[in-house]
Amino acid sequence: MRALARLFVLGLLLSGLAGCASWGDSDWRQPEVHLVKVEKVRMNLHQQEFVLHLRVVNPNDERLFIRTLAYTLQLDDLVLAQDEASLWRSVGGHARRTFKITARTNLWQHLKPLAKLLRSKQPLQYHLQGELATGLIIHQDLHLTRSGEIIPGDLKPE
């Protein structure tokens, strides 16, 4: 009788694992993450505050749950901002949603290298890299990379 109970429990466990394997749907497609806009909020000597507008496009049937966003913003090799934001939002199936993330930096601590970069008159490479942690039970990470260049002469007011 005891052997039969063990066999029954083992059968239940194996059937449960088969069910877990079917969770990874073959029709699942990678959601897209786009940086839509960067908005200046507050600029003072010791802290600069921006709002990053991120759009998440979910091409799947199931709702996508987003837990956190970890990001790094670099100008050439200079790290200007690095943080992690807790979101706890969701994007419906076959839907898109825009999230606002507050980013803060202190350019005062980078003043000398930043001034040197701006005086060089060479185009500056910027790089935004982010990772969205998604899912409640089954975790999936979405990656965001945005790069480009800023021409220092374009920053001067006329």
C-alpha atoms as a PDB file:
ATOM      1  CA  MET A   1       0.000   0.000   0.000  1.00  0.00           C
ATOM      2  CA  ARG A   2       2.821   2.393   0.867  1.00  0.00           C
ATOM      3  CA  ALA A   3       4.574   1.707  -2.448  1.00  0.00           C
ATOM      4  CA  LEU A   4       1.334   2.455  -4.291  1.00  0.00           C
ATOM      5  CA  ALA A   5       1.015   5.806  -2.480  1.00  0.00           C
ATOM      6  CA  ARG A   6       4.619   6.694  -3.384  1.00  0.00           C
ATOM      7  CA  LEU A   7       3.986   5.770  -6.998  1.00  0.00           C
ATOM      8  CA  PHE A   8       0.835   7.915  -7.022  1.00  0.00           C
ATOM      9  CA  VAL A   9       2.698  10.945  -5.559  1.00  0.00           C
ATOM     10  CA  LEU A  10       5.542  10.488  -8.060  1.00  0.00           C
ATOM     11  CA  GLY A  11       3.005  10.366 -10.903  1.00  0.00           C
ATOM     12  CA  LEU A  12       1.427  13.611  -9.685  1.00  0.00           C
ATOM     13  CA  LEU A  13       4.813  15.330  -9.497  1.00  0.00           C
ATOM     14  CA  LEU A  14       5.799  14.224 -12.988  1.00  0.00           C
ATOM     15  CA  SER A  15       2.469  15.322 -14.454  1.00  0.00           C
ATOM     16  CA  GLY A  16       2.903  18.690 -12.712  1.00  0.00           C
ATOM     17  CA  LEU A  17       6.319  19.103 -14.326  1.00  0.00           C
ATOM     18  CA  ALA A  18       4.832  18.320 -17.715  1.00  0.00           C
ATOM     19  CA  GLY A  19       2.278  21.062 -17.084  1.00  0.00           C
ATOM     20  CA  CYS A  20       5.071  23.510 -16.199  1.00  0.00           C
ATOM     21  CA  ALA A  21       6.840  22.686 -19.452  1.00  0.00           C
ATOM     22  CA  SER A  22       3.714  23.617 -21.405  1.00  0.00           C
ATOM     23  CA  TRP A  23       3.730  27.121 -19.840  1.00  0.00           C
ATOM     24  CA  GLY A  24       6.483  28.229 -22.232  1.00  0.00           C
ATOM     25  CA  ASP A  25       4.158  28.878 -25.185  1.00  0.00           C
ATOM     26  CA  SER A  26       5.806  28.592 -28.592  1.00  0.00           C
ATOM     27  CA  ASP A  27       3.777  31.594 -29.823  1.00  0.00           C
ATOM     28  CA  TRP A  28       5.319  33.883 -27.188  1.00  0.00           C
ATOM     29  CA  ARG A  29       7.073  36.884 -28.708  1.00  0.00           C
ATOM     30  CA  GLN A  30       9.513  39.286 -27.084  1.00  0.00           C
ATOM     31  CA  PRO A  31       7.799  42.534 -25.971  1.00  0.00           C
ATOM     32  CA  GLU A  32       9.376  45.757 -27.206  1.00  0.00           C
ATOM     33  CA  VAL A  33      10.663  48.588 -25.024  1.00  0.00           C
ATOM     34  CA  HIS A  34      11.177  52.079 -26.497  1.00  0.00           C
ATOM     35  CA  LEU A  35      12.499  55.312 -25.025  1.00  0.00           C
ATOM     36  CA  VAL A  36       9.895  57.808 -26.240  1.00  0.00           C
ATOM     37  CA  LYS A  37      10.933  61.049 -24.550  1.00  0.00           C
ATOM     38  CA  VAL A  38      13.266  62.556 -21.972  1.00  0.00           C
ATOM     39  CA  GLU A  39      11.694  65.437 -20.074  1.00  0.00           C
ATOM     40  CA  LYS A  40      13.634  67.921 -17.917  1.00  0.00           C
ATOM     41  CA  VAL A  41      11.892  68.482 -14.592  1.00  0.00           C
ATOM     42  CA  ARG A  42      14.269  70.306 -12.273  1.00  0.00           C
ATOM     43  CA  MET A  43      17.797  71.544 -12.806  1.00  0.00           C
ATOM     44  CA  ASN A  44      19.889  72.979 -10.004  1.00  0.00           C
ATOM     45  CA  LEU A  45      23.510  72.863  -8.999  1.00  0.00           C
ATOM     46  CA  HIS A  46      23.468  69.670  -6.961  1.00  0.00           C
ATOM     47  CA  GLN A  47      20.756  67.593  -8.578  1.00  0.00           C
ATOM     48  CA  GLN A  48      19.151  67.271 -11.980  1.00  0.00           C
ATOM     49  CA  GLU A  49      15.845  65.476 -12.389  1.00  0.00           C
ATOM     50  CA  PHE A  50      14.474  63.988 -15.594  1.00  0.00           C
ATOM     51  CA  VAL A  51      11.423  61.924 -16.478  1.00  0.00           C
ATOM     52  CA  LEU A  52      12.061  59.051 -18.881  1.00  0.00           C
ATOM     53  CA  HIS A  53       9.001  58.062 -20.908  1.00  0.00           C
ATOM     54  CA  LEU A  54       9.232  54.354 -21.778  1.00  0.00           C
ATOM     55  CA  ARG A  55       6.717  52.614 -24.018  1.00  0.00           C
ATOM     56  CA  VAL A  56       6.245  48.855 -23.640  1.00  0.00           C
ATOM     57  CA  VAL A  57       4.517  47.032 -26.513  1.00  0.00           C
ATOM     58  CA  ASN A  58       3.137  43.584 -25.636  1.00  0.00           C
ATOM     59  CA  PRO A  59       2.482  41.500 -28.782  1.00  0.00           C
ATOM     60  CA  ASN A  60       1.272  38.471 -26.790  1.00  0.00           C
ATOM     61  CA  ASP A  61      -2.178  37.322 -25.682  1.00  0.00           C
ATOM     62  CA  GLU A  62      -1.296  37.304 -21.977  1.00  0.00           C
ATOM     63  CA  ARG A  63      -0.951  40.322 -19.712  1.00  0.00           C
ATOM     64  CA  LEU A  64       2.681  41.347 -19.076  1.00  0.00           C
ATOM     65  CA  PHE A  65       3.555  42.253 -15.468  1.00  0.00           C
ATOM     66  CA  ILE A  66       6.518  44.602 -14.964  1.00  0.00           C
ATOM     67  CA  ARG A  67       8.202  44.670 -11.557  1.00  0.00           C
ATOM     68  CA  THR A  68      11.333  46.826 -11.805  1.00  0.00           C
ATOM     69  CA  LEU A  69      13.514  48.816 -14.171  1.00  0.00           C
ATOM     70  CA  ALA A  70      17.275  49.000 -13.668  1.00  0.00           C
ATOM     71  CA  TYR A  71      19.038  51.543 -15.888  1.00  0.00           C
ATOM     72  CA  THR A  72      22.386  53.180 -16.564  1.00  0.00           C
ATOM     73  CA  LEU A  73      22.950  56.420 -18.490  1.00  0.00           C
ATOM     74  CA  GLN A  74      26.459  57.113 -19.814  1.00  0.00           C
ATOM     75  CA  LEU A  75      28.039  59.982 -21.705  1.00  0.00           C
ATOM     76  CA  ASP A  76      31.143  58.573 -23.394  1.00  0.00           C
ATOM     77  CA  ASP A  77      32.668  56.566 -20.501  1.00  0.00           C
ATOM     78  CA  LEU A  78      31.190  58.778 -17.789  1.00  0.00           C
ATOM     79  CA  VAL A  79      28.301  57.209 -15.822  1.00  0.00           C
ATOM     80  CA  LEU A  80      25.790  60.020 -15.210  1.00  0.00           C
ATOM     81  CA  ALA A  81      22.926  58.050 -13.660  1.00  0.00           C
ATOM     82  CA  GLN A  82      22.462  54.511 -12.434  1.00  0.00           C
ATOM     83  CA  ASP A  83      19.372  53.432 -10.525  1.00  0.00           C
ATOM     84  CA  GLU A  84      16.598  50.904 -10.109  1.00  0.00           C
ATOM     85  CA  ALA A  85      12.918  51.878 -10.057  1.00  0.00           C
ATOM     86  CA  SER A  86      10.090  49.731  -8.703  1.00  0.00           C
ATOM     87  CA  LEU A  87       7.112  49.852 -11.080  1.00  0.00           C
ATOM     88  CA  TRP A  88       4.614  47.049 -10.404  1.00  0.00           C
ATOM     89  CA  ARG A  89       2.538  47.811 -13.501  1.00  0.00           C
ATOM     90  CA  SER A  90       1.078  45.665 -16.250  1.00  0.00           C
ATOM     91  CA  VAL A  91       0.504  45.843 -19.991  1.00  0.00           C
ATOM     92  CA  GLY A  92      -2.524  44.043 -21.406  1.00  0.00           C
ATOM     93  CA  GLY A  93      -2.349  41.486 -24.181  1.00  0.00           C
ATOM     94  CA  HIS A  94      -1.814  43.056 -27.637  1.00  0.00           C
ATOM     95  CA  ALA A  95      -1.531  46.478 -26.006  1.00  0.00           C
ATOM     96  CA  ARG A  96       1.010  49.207 -25.368  1.00  0.00           C
ATOM     97  CA  ARG A  97       1.545  51.374 -22.333  1.00  0.00           C
ATOM     98  CA  THR A  98       3.830  54.299 -21.545  1.00  0.00           C
ATOM     99  CA  PHE A  99       5.525  54.512 -18.152  1.00  0.00           C
ATOM    100  CA  LYS A 100       7.167  57.539 -16.582  1.00  0.00           C
ATOM    101  CA  ILE A 101      10.361  56.895 -14.637  1.00  0.00           C
ATOM    102  CA  THR A 102      12.042  59.628 -12.592  1.00  0.00           C
ATOM    103  CA  ALA A 103      15.808  59.733 -13.094  1.00  0.00           C
ATOM    104  CA  ARG A 104      18.077  61.827 -10.903  1.00  0.00           C
ATOM    105  CA  THR A 105      21.716  62.643 -11.357  1.00  0.00           C
ATOM    106  CA  ASN A 106      24.328  64.924  -9.835  1.00  0.00           C
ATOM    107  CA  LEU A 107      26.418  66.473 -12.583  1.00  0.00           C
ATOM    108  CA  TRP A 108      28.364  68.506 -10.016  1.00  0.00           C
ATOM    109  CA  GLN A 109      30.466  65.465  -9.125  1.00  0.00           C
ATOM    110  CA  HIS A 110      31.321  65.033 -12.834  1.00  0.00           C
ATOM    111  CA  LEU A 111      31.916  68.719 -13.547  1.00  0.00           C
ATOM    112  CA  LYS A 112      35.599  68.581 -14.568  1.00  0.00           C
ATOM    113  CA  PRO A 113      35.407  65.571 -16.915  1.00  0.00           C
ATOM    114  CA  LEU A 114      32.086  66.822 -18.305  1.00  0.00           C
ATOM    115  CA  ALA A 115      33.496  70.295 -19.021  1.00  0.00           C
ATOM    116  CA  LYS A 116      36.481  68.688 -20.738  1.00  0.00           C
ATOM    117  CA  LEU A 117      34.174  66.592 -22.917  1.00  0.00           C
ATOM    118  CA  LEU A 118      32.078  69.631 -23.862  1.00  0.00           C
ATOM    119  CA  ARG A 119      35.138  71.754 -24.734  1.00  0.00           C
ATOM    120  CA  SER A 120      36.535  69.061 -27.034  1.00  0.00           C
ATOM    121  CA  LYS A 121      34.021  70.014 -29.781  1.00  0.00           C
ATOM    122  CA  GLN A 122      33.868  66.313 -30.696  1.00  0.00           C
ATOM    123  CA  PRO A 123      30.498  64.514 -30.844  1.00  0.00           C
ATOM    124  CA  LEU A 124      29.724  62.838 -27.509  1.00  0.00           C
ATOM    125  CA  GLN A 125      28.326  59.314 -27.461  1.00  0.00           C
ATOM    126  CA  TYR A 126      25.453  58.683 -25.053  1.00  0.00           C
ATOM    127  CA  HIS A 127      24.226  55.259 -24.068  1.00  0.00           C
ATOM    128  CA  LEU A 128      21.093  54.345 -22.123  1.00  0.00           C
ATOM    129  CA  GLN A 129      20.884  50.738 -21.048  1.00  0.00           C
ATOM    130  CA  GLY A 130      17.958  49.332 -19.107  1.00  0.00           C
ATOM    131  CA  GLU A 131      16.534  46.042 -17.977  1.00  0.00           C
ATOM    132  CA  LEU A 132      12.862  45.514 -17.131  1.00  0.00           C
ATOM    133  CA  ALA A 133      12.147  42.628 -14.770  1.00  0.00           C
ATOM    134  CA  THR A 134       8.787  41.131 -15.708  1.00  0.00           C
ATOM    135  CA  GLY A 135       6.484  38.342 -14.596  1.00  0.00           C
ATOM    136  CA  LEU A 136       5.025  37.290 -11.291  1.00  0.00           C
ATOM    137  CA  ILE A 137       5.750  33.550 -11.298  1.00  0.00           C
ATOM    138  CA  ILE A 138       7.772  33.034 -14.469  1.00  0.00           C
ATOM    139  CA  HIS A 139      10.404  35.770 -14.708  1.00  0.00           C
ATOM    140  CA  GLN A 140      11.537  37.264 -17.996  1.00  0.00           C
ATOM    141  CA  ASP A 141      13.905  40.211 -18.465  1.00  0.00           C
ATOM    142  CA  LEU A 142      13.433  42.749 -21.261  1.00  0.00           C
ATOM    143  CA  HIS A 143      16.406  44.801 -22.409  1.00  0.00           C
ATOM    144  CA  LEU A 144      16.460  48.395 -23.590  1.00  0.00           C
ATOM    145  CA  THR A 145      19.443  49.935 -25.330  1.00  0.00           C
ATOM    146  CA  ARG A 146      19.486  53.386 -26.829  1.00  0.00           C
ATOM    147  CA  SER A 147      22.602  55.079 -28.184  1.00  0.00           C
ATOM    148  CA  GLY A 148      23.359  58.189 -30.132  1.00  0.00           C
ATOM    149  CA  GLU A 149      25.502  61.257 -30.201  1.00  0.00           C
ATOM    150  CA  ILE A 150      25.259  64.782 -28.917  1.00  0.00           C
ATOM    151  CA  ILE A 151      27.142  67.577 -30.651  1.00  0.00           C
ATOM    152  CA  PRO A 152      28.416  70.008 -27.964  1.00  0.00           C
ATOM    153  CA  GLY A 153      27.919  73.092 -30.189  1.00  0.00           C
ATOM    154  CA  ASP A 154      24.200  72.318 -30.429  1.00  0.00           C
ATOM    155  CA  LEU A 155      23.839  72.663 -26.648  1.00  0.00           C
ATOM    156  CA  LYS A 156      24.820  76.346 -26.539  1.00  0.00           C
ATOM    157  CA  PRO A 157      21.942  78.859 -26.555  1.00  0.00           C
ATOM    158  CA  GLU A 158      22.062  81.483 -29.311  1.00  0.00           C
END
